[in-house]
């Protein structure tokens, strides 16, 4: 009896390991600072706009800046991505809230 229970548990574990628990997940982008999730692609642009809008409103750099580079790099439009990546160091190095607001507004206008 005991051996059959052990075999059942091992068999179940192997089945889950080889088959998995679900299908492939769709790629998603987390909108920084809000916890909301948007699909990648054109949704990545929307997520980026919302993140920059939050930064522009507050005038402060928060943890939202950490994910900006990755979100920008995932944009499908390479020219836009390159332009925004050139602006990102300026935003990261901004010292006053007015500079943060101005740079984030400039980046949003490019979207």
C-alpha atoms as a PDB file:
ATOM      1  CA  UNK A   1       0.000   0.000   0.000  1.00  0.00           C
ATOM      2  CA  UNK A   2       2.766   2.372   0.959  1.00  0.00           C
ATOM      3  CA  UNK A   3       4.732   1.688  -2.236  1.00  0.00           C
ATOM      4  CA  UNK A   4       1.699   2.417  -4.405  1.00  0.00           C
ATOM      5  CA  UNK A   5       1.179   5.806  -2.707  1.00  0.00           C
ATOM      6  CA  UNK A   6       4.841   6.700  -3.270  1.00  0.00           C
ATOM      7  CA  UNK A   7       4.577   5.641  -6.929  1.00  0.00           C
ATOM      8  CA  UNK A   8       1.414   7.712  -7.344  1.00  0.00           C
ATOM      9  CA  UNK A   9       3.071  10.821  -5.870  1.00  0.00           C
ATOM     10  CA  UNK A  10       6.228  10.363  -7.961  1.00  0.00           C
ATOM     11  CA  UNK A  11       4.197   9.751 -11.101  1.00  0.00           C
ATOM     12  CA  UNK A  12       2.123  12.874 -10.478  1.00  0.00           C
ATOM     13  CA  UNK A  13       5.249  14.940  -9.902  1.00  0.00           C
ATOM     14  CA  UNK A  14       6.809  13.694 -13.135  1.00  0.00           C
ATOM     15  CA  UNK A  15       3.604  14.379 -15.053  1.00  0.00           C
ATOM     16  CA  UNK A  16       3.462  17.978 -13.805  1.00  0.00           C
ATOM     17  CA  UNK A  17       7.173  18.457 -14.488  1.00  0.00           C
ATOM     18  CA  UNK A  18       6.995  17.266 -18.092  1.00  0.00           C
ATOM     19  CA  UNK A  19       3.582  18.649 -19.036  1.00  0.00           C
ATOM     20  CA  UNK A  20       3.665  21.898 -17.097  1.00  0.00           C
ATOM     21  CA  UNK A  21       0.764  23.664 -15.495  1.00  0.00           C
ATOM     22  CA  UNK A  22      -0.409  25.841 -18.381  1.00  0.00           C
ATOM     23  CA  UNK A  23       0.265  27.159 -21.841  1.00  0.00           C
ATOM     24  CA  UNK A  24       2.738  29.854 -22.776  1.00  0.00           C
ATOM     25  CA  UNK A  25       2.096  33.234 -21.219  1.00  0.00           C
ATOM     26  CA  UNK A  26       1.635  36.354 -23.318  1.00  0.00           C
ATOM     27  CA  UNK A  27       4.347  38.954 -22.986  1.00  0.00           C
ATOM     28  CA  UNK A  28       3.225  41.804 -20.765  1.00  0.00           C
ATOM     29  CA  UNK A  29       4.585  45.139 -19.687  1.00  0.00           C
ATOM     30  CA  UNK A  30       4.079  46.343 -16.129  1.00  0.00           C
ATOM     31  CA  UNK A  31       3.163  50.008 -15.926  1.00  0.00           C
ATOM     32  CA  UNK A  32       5.639  51.298 -13.368  1.00  0.00           C
ATOM     33  CA  UNK A  33       4.243  52.810 -10.217  1.00  0.00           C
ATOM     34  CA  UNK A  34       0.692  51.661 -10.869  1.00  0.00           C
ATOM     35  CA  UNK A  35       0.939  47.889 -10.791  1.00  0.00           C
ATOM     36  CA  UNK A  36      -1.241  47.762 -13.916  1.00  0.00           C
ATOM     37  CA  UNK A  37      -0.292  45.499 -16.782  1.00  0.00           C
ATOM     38  CA  UNK A  38      -0.445  46.356 -20.469  1.00  0.00           C
ATOM     39  CA  UNK A  39       0.340  44.081 -23.417  1.00  0.00           C
ATOM     40  CA  UNK A  40       3.636  44.703 -25.177  1.00  0.00           C
ATOM     41  CA  UNK A  41       3.883  46.259 -28.643  1.00  0.00           C
ATOM     42  CA  UNK A  42       1.628  49.286 -29.024  1.00  0.00           C
ATOM     43  CA  UNK A  43       0.634  48.761 -25.388  1.00  0.00           C
ATOM     44  CA  UNK A  44       4.290  49.274 -24.509  1.00  0.00           C
ATOM     45  CA  UNK A  45       3.988  52.783 -25.893  1.00  0.00           C
ATOM     46  CA  UNK A  46       0.913  53.392 -23.737  1.00  0.00           C
ATOM     47  CA  UNK A  47       2.692  52.001 -20.683  1.00  0.00           C
ATOM     48  CA  UNK A  48       5.625  54.289 -21.381  1.00  0.00           C
ATOM     49  CA  UNK A  49       3.327  57.302 -21.741  1.00  0.00           C
ATOM     50  CA  UNK A  50       1.651  56.536 -18.415  1.00  0.00           C
ATOM     51  CA  UNK A  51       4.970  56.097 -16.657  1.00  0.00           C
ATOM     52  CA  UNK A  52       6.342  59.366 -18.053  1.00  0.00           C
ATOM     53  CA  UNK A  53       3.090  61.129 -17.164  1.00  0.00           C
ATOM     54  CA  UNK A  54       3.431  59.940 -13.564  1.00  0.00           C
ATOM     55  CA  UNK A  55       7.019  61.187 -13.445  1.00  0.00           C
ATOM     56  CA  UNK A  56       6.000  64.520 -15.010  1.00  0.00           C
ATOM     57  CA  UNK A  57       3.207  65.031 -12.490  1.00  0.00           C
ATOM     58  CA  UNK A  58       5.302  64.241  -9.435  1.00  0.00           C
ATOM     59  CA  UNK A  59       8.525  65.822 -10.652  1.00  0.00           C
ATOM     60  CA  UNK A  60      10.391  63.068  -8.826  1.00  0.00           C
ATOM     61  CA  UNK A  61      12.343  60.098 -10.043  1.00  0.00           C
ATOM     62  CA  UNK A  62      11.141  56.954  -8.354  1.00  0.00           C
ATOM     63  CA  UNK A  63      11.499  53.261  -8.996  1.00  0.00           C
ATOM     64  CA  UNK A  64       9.564  53.906 -12.215  1.00  0.00           C
ATOM     65  CA  UNK A  65      12.801  55.051 -13.864  1.00  0.00           C
ATOM     66  CA  UNK A  66      14.375  51.629 -13.345  1.00  0.00           C
ATOM     67  CA  UNK A  67      12.060  49.965 -15.857  1.00  0.00           C
ATOM     68  CA  UNK A  68      12.050  52.768 -18.412  1.00  0.00           C
ATOM     69  CA  UNK A  69      15.130  51.592 -20.294  1.00  0.00           C
ATOM     70  CA  UNK A  70      13.714  48.099 -20.779  1.00  0.00           C
ATOM     71  CA  UNK A  71      10.313  49.443 -21.855  1.00  0.00           C
ATOM     72  CA  UNK A  72      11.935  51.836 -24.328  1.00  0.00           C
ATOM     73  CA  UNK A  73      14.156  49.087 -25.753  1.00  0.00           C
ATOM     74  CA  UNK A  74      11.074  46.910 -26.375  1.00  0.00           C
ATOM     75  CA  UNK A  75       9.417  49.503 -28.613  1.00  0.00           C
ATOM     76  CA  UNK A  76       8.932  48.322 -32.187  1.00  0.00           C
ATOM     77  CA  UNK A  77       9.911  51.697 -33.722  1.00  0.00           C
ATOM     78  CA  UNK A  78      13.713  51.655 -33.550  1.00  0.00           C
ATOM     79  CA  UNK A  79      14.140  55.363 -34.383  1.00  0.00           C
ATOM     80  CA  UNK A  80      11.766  56.335 -31.595  1.00  0.00           C
ATOM     81  CA  UNK A  81      13.512  53.950 -29.226  1.00  0.00           C
ATOM     82  CA  UNK A  82      16.928  55.423 -30.076  1.00  0.00           C
ATOM     83  CA  UNK A  83      15.673  58.997 -29.578  1.00  0.00           C
ATOM     84  CA  UNK A  84      14.154  58.166 -26.201  1.00  0.00           C
ATOM     85  CA  UNK A  85      17.260  56.288 -25.073  1.00  0.00           C
ATOM     86  CA  UNK A  86      19.307  59.433 -25.789  1.00  0.00           C
ATOM     87  CA  UNK A  87      16.978  61.430 -23.506  1.00  0.00           C
ATOM     88  CA  UNK A  88      16.924  58.854 -20.698  1.00  0.00           C
ATOM     89  CA  UNK A  89      20.342  59.731 -19.156  1.00  0.00           C
ATOM     90  CA  UNK A  90      19.256  63.382 -18.989  1.00  0.00           C
ATOM     91  CA  UNK A  91      16.160  62.321 -17.063  1.00  0.00           C
ATOM     92  CA  UNK A  92      18.128  60.014 -14.763  1.00  0.00           C
ATOM     93  CA  UNK A  93      20.634  62.793 -13.984  1.00  0.00           C
ATOM     94  CA  UNK A  94      18.103  65.609 -13.512  1.00  0.00           C
ATOM     95  CA  UNK A  95      18.654  67.371 -10.224  1.00  0.00           C
ATOM     96  CA  UNK A  96      15.502  69.444  -9.715  1.00  0.00           C
ATOM     97  CA  UNK A  97      11.844  68.580 -10.043  1.00  0.00           C
ATOM     98  CA  UNK A  98      11.481  71.238 -12.748  1.00  0.00           C
ATOM     99  CA  UNK A  99      14.177  69.512 -14.829  1.00  0.00           C
ATOM    100  CA  UNK A 100      12.484  66.131 -14.302  1.00  0.00           C
ATOM    101  CA  UNK A 101       9.134  67.568 -15.395  1.00  0.00           C
ATOM    102  CA  UNK A 102      10.602  69.248 -18.485  1.00  0.00           C
ATOM    103  CA  UNK A 103      12.562  66.210 -19.665  1.00  0.00           C
ATOM    104  CA  UNK A 104       9.691  63.775 -19.086  1.00  0.00           C
ATOM    105  CA  UNK A 105       7.336  66.126 -20.942  1.00  0.00           C
ATOM    106  CA  UNK A 106       9.815  66.300 -23.830  1.00  0.00           C
ATOM    107  CA  UNK A 107      10.027  62.498 -23.929  1.00  0.00           C
ATOM    108  CA  UNK A 108       6.229  62.198 -23.886  1.00  0.00           C
ATOM    109  CA  UNK A 109       5.916  64.573 -26.819  1.00  0.00           C
ATOM    110  CA  UNK A 110       8.066  62.228 -28.913  1.00  0.00           C
ATOM    111  CA  UNK A 111       5.603  59.405 -28.355  1.00  0.00           C
END
